[in-house]
Amino acid sequence: MPEIFLGDLSETKFFDLLKPLLTGKKTGILTIKGREDGEIFLEVGNIVHAKTADSFGEEAFLTIMGWTAGKAAFEPDIPPRERTIPIPTENLLLNWSYRKQEWERIRKVVHSSNDLFHLSLQNDSKDRNIKGEQWNVLALTDGNKTIAEIARTLGWDEFKTSKNIYQLVQAGLLEKAGESSYTDKKIVGEDFFKMIEFELKKVMGPVASFIVEDKLIEFGKTKDSLPEDQALSFIEAVGEEIPNEQKKSQFKKAVIASFSTGQ
């Protein structure tokens, strides 16, 4: 049977797309394509395998459940390639519920994978104990590396990295980097955002400016702090909000061409 488009994660929660497949006891592959790609295999309504570029099994499933961008589709009657999730789906969803609550606490401190942190000065002489893996985080957290960069260096996923940084902030060992941490990176100018909004309004109308602001929040940046080395990723992220594939392609080509010419 042909692939069935389920929806866009920027408009619908992923669980709302997954739920009918579980209750309908479907067998097949659920794919998510966007800035990040993922796969979830179902067998008679049970989740038996999940995969992302960086993980598989339960960790991949929990990662995908946190995504808020990408297009989801389902191809029925595709048998699972592997079985990397041995626990019952009910327990898996319960673990996701716990993870979701934990993410909500972490996001109050770590807003996105593009956040920067550095060591904080200690105002007292108290001894502090940290875990071995947290020491590696401290060694890499210099105010210049983003959480995403630290995660890649350590071979961790975003959740594990963010959780460790959150714990170190709570322990008083790390703090959010100030504006000075961006001074060694060239920042995109105001014209960059004007150009993006101009092209986006052609296909999305008056909501264009809101989409740009929303993506800045996801990146943990403002119009005064987005570095040029993240500009192309930002353009890709904004483009994923355009549902029409042809218009999305035209938007990306136009904006990337203008950005490259202006550099």
C-alpha atoms as a PDB file:
ATOM      1  CA  MET A   1       0.000   0.000   0.000  1.00  0.00           C
ATOM      2  CA  PRO A   2       1.217   3.567  -0.653  1.00  0.00           C
ATOM      3  CA  GLU A   3       2.589   5.804   2.095  1.00  0.00           C
ATOM      4  CA  ILE A   4      -0.053   7.809   3.983  1.00  0.00           C
ATOM      5  CA  PHE A   5       0.760  11.379   5.036  1.00  0.00           C
ATOM      6  CA  LEU A   6      -0.254  11.886   8.678  1.00  0.00           C
ATOM      7  CA  GLY A   7       0.643  15.491   9.407  1.00  0.00           C
ATOM      8  CA  ASP A   8       3.231  18.144  10.184  1.00  0.00           C
ATOM      9  CA  LEU A   9       4.722  18.163  13.689  1.00  0.00           C
ATOM     10  CA  SER A  10       4.764  21.957  13.661  1.00  0.00           C
ATOM     11  CA  GLU A  11       0.966  21.826  13.627  1.00  0.00           C
ATOM     12  CA  THR A  12       0.167  18.606  15.503  1.00  0.00           C
ATOM     13  CA  LYS A  13       1.645  16.858  18.509  1.00  0.00           C
ATOM     14  CA  PHE A  14       3.433  13.671  17.541  1.00  0.00           C
ATOM     15  CA  PHE A  15       1.459  11.580  20.020  1.00  0.00           C
ATOM     16  CA  ASP A  16      -1.799  12.684  18.379  1.00  0.00           C
ATOM     17  CA  LEU A  17      -0.533  11.171  15.111  1.00  0.00           C
ATOM     18  CA  LEU A  18       0.747   8.013  16.775  1.00  0.00           C
ATOM     19  CA  LYS A  19      -2.319   7.290  18.921  1.00  0.00           C
ATOM     20  CA  PRO A  20      -4.687   6.116  16.119  1.00  0.00           C
ATOM     21  CA  LEU A  21      -2.015   3.675  14.914  1.00  0.00           C
ATOM     22  CA  LEU A  22      -1.737   2.181  18.389  1.00  0.00           C
ATOM     23  CA  THR A  23      -5.465   1.953  19.056  1.00  0.00           C
ATOM     24  CA  GLY A  24      -6.088   0.636  15.541  1.00  0.00           C
ATOM     25  CA  LYS A  25      -3.487  -2.109  16.113  1.00  0.00           C
ATOM     26  CA  LYS A  26      -1.642  -1.156  12.937  1.00  0.00           C
ATOM     27  CA  THR A  27       1.473  -2.804  11.513  1.00  0.00           C
ATOM     28  CA  GLY A  28       3.915  -0.739   9.457  1.00  0.00           C
ATOM     29  CA  ILE A  29       6.573   1.967   9.550  1.00  0.00           C
ATOM     30  CA  LEU A  30       6.020   5.510  10.782  1.00  0.00           C
ATOM     31  CA  THR A  31       8.607   7.882   9.313  1.00  0.00           C
ATOM     32  CA  ILE A  32       9.457  11.457  10.265  1.00  0.00           C
ATOM     33  CA  LYS A  33      11.395  13.610   7.825  1.00  0.00           C
ATOM     34  CA  GLY A  34      12.669  17.131   8.388  1.00  0.00           C
ATOM     35  CA  ARG A  35      15.708  18.628  10.086  1.00  0.00           C
ATOM     36  CA  GLU A  36      15.978  15.195  11.708  1.00  0.00           C
ATOM     37  CA  ASP A  37      14.798  11.875  10.337  1.00  0.00           C
ATOM     38  CA  GLY A  38      13.393   8.986  12.352  1.00  0.00           C
ATOM     39  CA  GLU A  39      11.563   5.684  12.047  1.00  0.00           C
ATOM     40  CA  ILE A  40       9.171   3.823  14.340  1.00  0.00           C
ATOM     41  CA  PHE A  41       8.015   0.288  13.520  1.00  0.00           C
ATOM     42  CA  LEU A  42       4.692  -1.002  14.783  1.00  0.00           C
ATOM     43  CA  GLU A  43       3.434  -4.564  14.888  1.00  0.00           C
ATOM     44  CA  VAL A  44      -0.269  -5.033  15.632  1.00  0.00           C
ATOM     45  CA  GLY A  45      -0.296  -1.761  17.567  1.00  0.00           C
ATOM     46  CA  ASN A  46       2.904  -2.467  19.500  1.00  0.00           C
ATOM     47  CA  ILE A  47       6.051  -0.356  19.111  1.00  0.00           C
ATOM     48  CA  VAL A  48       8.910  -2.806  18.511  1.00  0.00           C
ATOM     49  CA  HIS A  49      11.671  -0.725  16.910  1.00  0.00           C
ATOM     50  CA  ALA A  50      12.729   2.915  16.609  1.00  0.00           C
ATOM     51  CA  LYS A  51      15.700   4.598  14.994  1.00  0.00           C
ATOM     52  CA  THR A  52      17.186   8.077  14.529  1.00  0.00           C
ATOM     53  CA  ALA A  53      20.503   9.179  13.069  1.00  0.00           C
ATOM     54  CA  ASP A  54      22.143   8.960  16.501  1.00  0.00           C
ATOM     55  CA  SER A  55      20.205   6.317  18.439  1.00  0.00           C
ATOM     56  CA  PHE A  56      17.927   3.301  18.287  1.00  0.00           C
ATOM     57  CA  GLY A  57      15.493   1.451  20.514  1.00  0.00           C
ATOM     58  CA  GLU A  58      13.791   3.131  23.464  1.00  0.00           C
ATOM     59  CA  GLU A  59      16.159   6.119  23.432  1.00  0.00           C
ATOM     60  CA  ALA A  60      15.338   6.788  19.773  1.00  0.00           C
ATOM     61  CA  PHE A  61      11.607   6.568  20.492  1.00  0.00           C
ATOM     62  CA  LEU A  62      11.864   9.001  23.419  1.00  0.00           C
ATOM     63  CA  THR A  63      13.902  11.380  21.264  1.00  0.00           C
ATOM     64  CA  ILE A  64      11.366  11.317  18.425  1.00  0.00           C
ATOM     65  CA  MET A  65       8.498  11.930  20.844  1.00  0.00           C
ATOM     66  CA  GLY A  66      10.090  15.265  21.723  1.00  0.00           C
ATOM     67  CA  TRP A  67      10.337  16.525  18.131  1.00  0.00           C
ATOM     68  CA  THR A  68       8.247  19.543  17.143  1.00  0.00           C
ATOM     69  CA  ALA A  69       9.214  19.770  13.470  1.00  0.00           C
ATOM     70  CA  GLY A  70       9.071  17.387  10.526  1.00  0.00           C
ATOM     71  CA  LYS A  71       6.510  15.588   8.417  1.00  0.00           C
ATOM     72  CA  ALA A  72       5.091  12.247   9.548  1.00  0.00           C
ATOM     73  CA  ALA A  73       3.899   9.496   7.209  1.00  0.00           C
ATOM     74  CA  PHE A  74       2.847   5.863   7.657  1.00  0.00           C
ATOM     75  CA  GLU A  75       3.411   2.945   5.314  1.00  0.00           C
ATOM     76  CA  PRO A  76       1.209   0.025   6.383  1.00  0.00           C
ATOM     77  CA  ASP A  77       2.001  -3.682   6.344  1.00  0.00           C
ATOM     78  CA  ILE A  78       5.788  -3.235   6.486  1.00  0.00           C
ATOM     79  CA  PRO A  79       7.264  -5.812   8.902  1.00  0.00           C
ATOM     80  CA  PRO A  80       9.839  -4.602  11.459  1.00  0.00           C
ATOM     81  CA  ARG A  81      13.480  -4.777  10.366  1.00  0.00           C
ATOM     82  CA  GLU A  82      14.676  -5.221  13.930  1.00  0.00           C
ATOM     83  CA  ARG A  83      13.276  -5.531  17.441  1.00  0.00           C
ATOM     84  CA  THR A  84      15.116  -3.056  19.608  1.00  0.00           C
ATOM     85  CA  ILE A  85      12.271  -2.285  22.028  1.00  0.00           C
ATOM     86  CA  PRO A  86      11.511  -5.365  24.164  1.00  0.00           C
ATOM     87  CA  ILE A  87       9.281  -3.687  26.771  1.00  0.00           C
ATOM     88  CA  PRO A  88       5.472  -3.445  26.391  1.00  0.00           C
ATOM     89  CA  THR A  89       4.231  -0.322  24.609  1.00  0.00           C
ATOM     90  CA  GLU A  90       2.279   0.688  27.715  1.00  0.00           C
ATOM     91  CA  ASN A  91       5.534   0.830  29.721  1.00  0.00           C
ATOM     92  CA  LEU A  92       7.270   2.636  26.873  1.00  0.00           C
ATOM     93  CA  LEU A  93       4.634   5.372  26.866  1.00  0.00           C
ATOM     94  CA  LEU A  94       4.866   5.626  30.646  1.00  0.00           C
ATOM     95  CA  ASN A  95       8.629   6.170  30.343  1.00  0.00           C
ATOM     96  CA  TRP A  96       7.922   8.885  27.783  1.00  0.00           C
ATOM     97  CA  SER A  97       5.546  10.565  30.237  1.00  0.00           C
ATOM     98  CA  TYR A  98       8.298  10.642  32.860  1.00  0.00           C
ATOM     99  CA  ARG A  99      10.789  11.963  30.289  1.00  0.00           C
ATOM    100  CA  LYS A 100       8.347  14.677  29.220  1.00  0.00           C
ATOM    101  CA  GLN A 101       7.979  15.897  32.813  1.00  0.00           C
ATOM    102  CA  GLU A 102      11.749  15.915  33.216  1.00  0.00           C
ATOM    103  CA  TRP A 103      12.190  17.858  29.968  1.00  0.00           C
ATOM    104  CA  GLU A 104       9.774  20.495  31.247  1.00  0.00           C
ATOM    105  CA  ARG A 105      12.016  21.074  34.279  1.00  0.00           C
ATOM    106  CA  ILE A 106      15.193  21.084  32.175  1.00  0.00           C
ATOM    107  CA  ARG A 107      13.755  23.519  29.600  1.00  0.00           C
ATOM    108  CA  LYS A 108      13.363  26.160  32.306  1.00  0.00           C
ATOM    109  CA  VAL A 109      17.173  26.326  32.346  1.00  0.00           C
ATOM    110  CA  VAL A 110      18.281  24.817  29.017  1.00  0.00           C
ATOM    111  CA  HIS A 111      16.062  26.405  26.394  1.00  0.00           C
ATOM    112  CA  SER A 112      17.545  24.787  23.283  1.00  0.00           C
ATOM    113  CA  SER A 113      20.474  22.750  21.985  1.00  0.00           C
ATOM    114  CA  ASN A 114      22.037  26.018  20.814  1.00  0.00           C
ATOM    115  CA  ASP A 115      22.416  27.442  24.330  1.00  0.00           C
ATOM    116  CA  LEU A 116      25.867  28.320  25.659  1.00  0.00           C
ATOM    117  CA  PHE A 117      27.059  27.822  29.242  1.00  0.00           C
ATOM    118  CA  HIS A 118      30.309  28.456  31.103  1.00  0.00           C
ATOM    119  CA  LEU A 119      31.796  27.784  34.515  1.00  0.00           C
ATOM    120  CA  SER A 120      30.423  29.957  37.293  1.00  0.00           C
ATOM    121  CA  LEU A 121      32.547  31.655  39.915  1.00  0.00           C
ATOM    122  CA  GLN A 122      32.205  30.117  43.371  1.00  0.00           C
ATOM    123  CA  ASN A 123      31.300  32.521  46.171  1.00  0.00           C
ATOM    124  CA  ASP A 124      31.937  30.021  48.934  1.00  0.00           C
ATOM    125  CA  SER A 125      34.536  27.425  49.831  1.00  0.00           C
ATOM    126  CA  LYS A 126      32.183  24.425  49.957  1.00  0.00           C
ATOM    127  CA  ASP A 127      33.352  21.168  48.386  1.00  0.00           C
ATOM    128  CA  ARG A 128      31.232  19.839  45.567  1.00  0.00           C
ATOM    129  CA  ASN A 129      31.068  16.285  44.306  1.00  0.00           C
ATOM    130  CA  ILE A 130      30.264  15.516  40.668  1.00  0.00           C
ATOM    131  CA  LYS A 131      29.921  12.345  38.627  1.00  0.00           C
ATOM    132  CA  GLY A 132      32.621  11.266  36.204  1.00  0.00           C
ATOM    133  CA  GLU A 133      30.509  11.993  33.135  1.00  0.00           C
ATOM    134  CA  GLN A 134      29.686  15.452  34.486  1.00  0.00           C
ATOM    135  CA  TRP A 135      33.401  16.190  34.641  1.00  0.00           C
ATOM    136  CA  ASN A 136      33.567  15.647  30.869  1.00  0.00           C
ATOM    137  CA  VAL A 137      30.712  18.115  30.433  1.00  0.00           C
ATOM    138  CA  LEU A 138      32.545  20.694  32.556  1.00  0.00           C
ATOM    139  CA  ALA A 139      35.700  20.205  30.502  1.00  0.00           C
ATOM    140  CA  LEU A 140      33.826  21.056  27.293  1.00  0.00           C
ATOM    141  CA  THR A 141      31.558  23.823  28.600  1.00  0.00           C
ATOM    142  CA  ASP A 142      33.619  26.899  27.784  1.00  0.00           C
ATOM    143  CA  GLY A 143      30.991  29.445  26.741  1.00  0.00           C
ATOM    144  CA  ASN A 144      31.708  28.837  23.047  1.00  0.00           C
ATOM    145  CA  LYS A 145      30.456  25.301  22.422  1.00  0.00           C
ATOM    146  CA  THR A 146      26.691  24.840  22.131  1.00  0.00           C
ATOM    147  CA  ILE A 147      24.919  21.974  23.849  1.00  0.00           C
ATOM    148  CA  ALA A 148      24.566  20.308  20.434  1.00  0.00           C
ATOM    149  CA  GLU A 149      28.335  20.524  19.891  1.00  0.00           C
ATOM    150  CA  ILE A 150      29.054  19.114  23.358  1.00  0.00           C
ATOM    151  CA  ALA A 151      26.617  16.270  22.723  1.00  0.00           C
ATOM    152  CA  ARG A 152      28.321  15.379  19.435  1.00  0.00           C
ATOM    153  CA  THR A 153      31.762  15.415  21.053  1.00  0.00           C
ATOM    154  CA  LEU A 154      30.637  13.093  23.844  1.00  0.00           C
ATOM    155  CA  GLY A 155      28.503  10.901  21.588  1.00  0.00           C
ATOM    156  CA  TRP A 156      25.421  11.658  23.695  1.00  0.00           C
ATOM    157  CA  ASP A 157      21.881  12.616  22.762  1.00  0.00           C
ATOM    158  CA  GLU A 158      20.433  16.055  23.504  1.00  0.00           C
ATOM    159  CA  PHE A 159      18.462  14.888  26.525  1.00  0.00           C
ATOM    160  CA  LYS A 160      21.400  13.329  28.372  1.00  0.00           C
ATOM    161  CA  THR A 161      23.600  16.348  27.659  1.00  0.00           C
ATOM    162  CA  SER A 162      20.925  18.866  28.677  1.00  0.00           C
ATOM    163  CA  LYS A 163      20.117  16.903  31.832  1.00  0.00           C
ATOM    164  CA  ASN A 164      23.760  16.919  32.954  1.00  0.00           C
ATOM    165  CA  ILE A 165      24.091  20.637  32.257  1.00  0.00           C
ATOM    166  CA  TYR A 166      20.851  21.287  34.143  1.00  0.00           C
ATOM    167  CA  GLN A 167      22.213  19.364  37.152  1.00  0.00           C
ATOM    168  CA  LEU A 168      25.493  21.280  37.032  1.00  0.00           C
ATOM    169  CA  VAL A 169      23.607  24.587  36.904  1.00  0.00           C
ATOM    170  CA  GLN A 170      21.538  23.499  39.896  1.00  0.00           C
ATOM    171  CA  ALA A 171      24.781  22.612  41.699  1.00  0.00           C
ATOM    172  CA  GLY A 172      26.099  26.123  41.038  1.00  0.00           C
ATOM    173  CA  LEU A 173      28.952  24.969  38.790  1.00  0.00           C
ATOM    174  CA  LEU A 174      27.638  26.276  35.467  1.00  0.00           C
ATOM    175  CA  GLU A 175      25.712  29.345  34.372  1.00  0.00           C
ATOM    176  CA  LYS A 176      24.252  30.655  31.131  1.00  0.00           C
ATOM    177  CA  ALA A 177      26.864  32.409  29.038  1.00  0.00           C
ATOM    178  CA  GLY A 178      26.423  36.170  28.621  1.00  0.00           C
ATOM    179  CA  GLU A 179      26.425  38.155  25.418  1.00  0.00           C
ATOM    180  CA  SER A 180      30.206  38.386  25.577  1.00  0.00           C
ATOM    181  CA  SER A 181      30.453  34.701  24.647  1.00  0.00           C
ATOM    182  CA  TYR A 182      29.202  35.558  21.166  1.00  0.00           C
ATOM    183  CA  THR A 183      31.803  38.207  20.410  1.00  0.00           C
ATOM    184  CA  ASP A 184      34.120  35.789  18.611  1.00  0.00           C
ATOM    185  CA  LYS A 185      31.353  34.772  16.198  1.00  0.00           C
ATOM    186  CA  LYS A 186      30.103  36.899  13.336  1.00  0.00           C
ATOM    187  CA  ILE A 187      26.394  37.672  13.782  1.00  0.00           C
ATOM    188  CA  VAL A 188      23.900  37.836  10.909  1.00  0.00           C
ATOM    189  CA  GLY A 189      22.559  41.339  10.386  1.00  0.00           C
ATOM    190  CA  GLU A 190      19.027  42.710  10.457  1.00  0.00           C
ATOM    191  CA  ASP A 191      18.834  42.429   6.667  1.00  0.00           C
ATOM    192  CA  PHE A 192      19.063  38.631   6.997  1.00  0.00           C
ATOM    193  CA  PHE A 193      15.759  38.457   8.879  1.00  0.00           C
ATOM    194  CA  LYS A 194      14.095  41.051   6.639  1.00  0.00           C
ATOM    195  CA  MET A 195      15.037  38.937   3.625  1.00  0.00           C
ATOM    196  CA  ILE A 196      13.710  35.722   5.218  1.00  0.00           C
ATOM    197  CA  GLU A 197      10.409  37.350   6.221  1.00  0.00           C
ATOM    198  CA  PHE A 198      10.035  38.895   2.758  1.00  0.00           C
ATOM    199  CA  GLU A 199      10.413  35.523   1.014  1.00  0.00           C
ATOM    200  CA  LEU A 200       8.339  33.683   3.618  1.00  0.00           C
ATOM    201  CA  LYS A 201       5.416  36.106   3.308  1.00  0.00           C
ATOM    202  CA  LYS A 202       5.149  35.188  -0.374  1.00  0.00           C
ATOM    203  CA  VAL A 203       4.100  31.646   0.583  1.00  0.00           C
ATOM    204  CA  MET A 204       2.859  31.884   4.201  1.00  0.00           C
ATOM    205  CA  GLY A 205       1.308  35.349   4.359  1.00  0.00           C
ATOM    206  CA  PRO A 206       1.212  37.517   7.502  1.00  0.00           C
ATOM    207  CA  VAL A 207       2.236  34.672   9.850  1.00  0.00           C
ATOM    208  CA  ALA A 208       5.778  34.824   8.431  1.00  0.00           C
ATOM    209  CA  SER A 209       7.156  37.087  11.164  1.00  0.00           C
ATOM    210  CA  PHE A 210       5.663  34.870  13.881  1.00  0.00           C
ATOM    211  CA  ILE A 211       7.275  31.785  12.337  1.00  0.00           C
ATOM    212  CA  VAL A 212      10.674  33.498  12.343  1.00  0.00           C
ATOM    213  CA  GLU A 213      10.295  34.547  15.976  1.00  0.00           C
ATOM    214  CA  ASP A 214       9.216  31.037  16.960  1.00  0.00           C
ATOM    215  CA  LYS A 215      12.277  29.509  15.283  1.00  0.00           C
ATOM    216  CA  LEU A 216      14.550  31.979  17.054  1.00  0.00           C
ATOM    217  CA  ILE A 217      13.122  30.759  20.357  1.00  0.00           C
ATOM    218  CA  GLU A 218      13.787  27.141  19.307  1.00  0.00           C
ATOM    219  CA  PHE A 219      17.392  28.077  18.502  1.00  0.00           C
ATOM    220  CA  GLY A 220      17.730  29.917  21.801  1.00  0.00           C
ATOM    221  CA  LYS A 221      18.723  33.093  19.947  1.00  0.00           C
ATOM    222  CA  THR A 222      17.506  36.607  19.192  1.00  0.00           C
ATOM    223  CA  LYS A 223      17.854  38.667  16.028  1.00  0.00           C
ATOM    224  CA  ASP A 224      20.930  40.213  17.636  1.00  0.00           C
ATOM    225  CA  SER A 225      22.671  36.950  18.524  1.00  0.00           C
ATOM    226  CA  LEU A 226      22.229  34.413  15.691  1.00  0.00           C
ATOM    227  CA  PRO A 227      25.750  33.598  14.433  1.00  0.00           C
ATOM    228  CA  GLU A 228      26.433  33.205  10.725  1.00  0.00           C
ATOM    229  CA  ASP A 229      27.538  29.603  11.199  1.00  0.00           C
ATOM    230  CA  GLN A 230      23.947  28.754  12.184  1.00  0.00           C
ATOM    231  CA  ALA A 231      22.291  30.774   9.400  1.00  0.00           C
ATOM    232  CA  LEU A 232      21.858  27.879   6.962  1.00  0.00           C
ATOM    233  CA  SER A 233      20.416  25.644   9.691  1.00  0.00           C
ATOM    234  CA  PHE A 234      18.011  28.444  10.586  1.00  0.00           C
ATOM    235  CA  ILE A 235      16.926  28.809   6.949  1.00  0.00           C
ATOM    236  CA  GLU A 236      16.320  25.040   6.763  1.00  0.00           C
ATOM    237  CA  ALA A 237      14.262  25.137   9.964  1.00  0.00           C
ATOM    238  CA  VAL A 238      12.086  28.012   8.731  1.00  0.00           C
ATOM    239  CA  GLY A 239      11.642  26.311   5.357  1.00  0.00           C
ATOM    240  CA  GLU A 240      10.272  23.178   7.035  1.00  0.00           C
ATOM    241  CA  GLU A 241       7.215  25.223   8.058  1.00  0.00           C
ATOM    242  CA  ILE A 242       6.137  25.489   4.396  1.00  0.00           C
ATOM    243  CA  PRO A 243       3.785  22.560   3.637  1.00  0.00           C
ATOM    244  CA  ASN A 244       4.051  22.752  -0.168  1.00  0.00           C
ATOM    245  CA  GLU A 245       7.259  20.991  -1.286  1.00  0.00           C
ATOM    246  CA  GLN A 246       7.714  23.082  -4.432  1.00  0.00           C
ATOM    247  CA  LYS A 247       7.233  26.375  -2.594  1.00  0.00           C
ATOM    248  CA  LYS A 248       9.513  25.157   0.199  1.00  0.00           C
ATOM    249  CA  SER A 249      12.255  24.430  -2.328  1.00  0.00           C
ATOM    250  CA  GLN A 250      11.793  27.816  -4.012  1.00  0.00           C
ATOM    251  CA  PHE A 251      11.950  29.595  -0.645  1.00  0.00           C
ATOM    252  CA  LYS A 252      15.161  27.852   0.400  1.00  0.00           C
ATOM    253  CA  LYS A 253      16.864  28.492  -2.927  1.00  0.00           C
ATOM    254  CA  ALA A 254      15.924  32.177  -2.911  1.00  0.00           C
ATOM    255  CA  VAL A 255      16.987  32.792   0.685  1.00  0.00           C
ATOM    256  CA  ILE A 256      20.231  30.813   0.486  1.00  0.00           C
ATOM    257  CA  ALA A 257      21.157  32.587  -2.754  1.00  0.00           C
ATOM    258  CA  SER A 258      20.501  36.017  -1.195  1.00  0.00           C
ATOM    259  CA  PHE A 259      22.398  35.072   1.979  1.00  0.00           C
ATOM    260  CA  SER A 260      25.408  33.757   0.034  1.00  0.00           C
ATOM    261  CA  THR A 261      25.501  36.878  -2.142  1.00  0.00           C
ATOM    262  CA  GLY A 262      25.301  39.162   0.893  1.00  0.00           C
ATOM    263  CA  GLN A 263      28.194  37.525   2.765  1.00  0.00           C
END
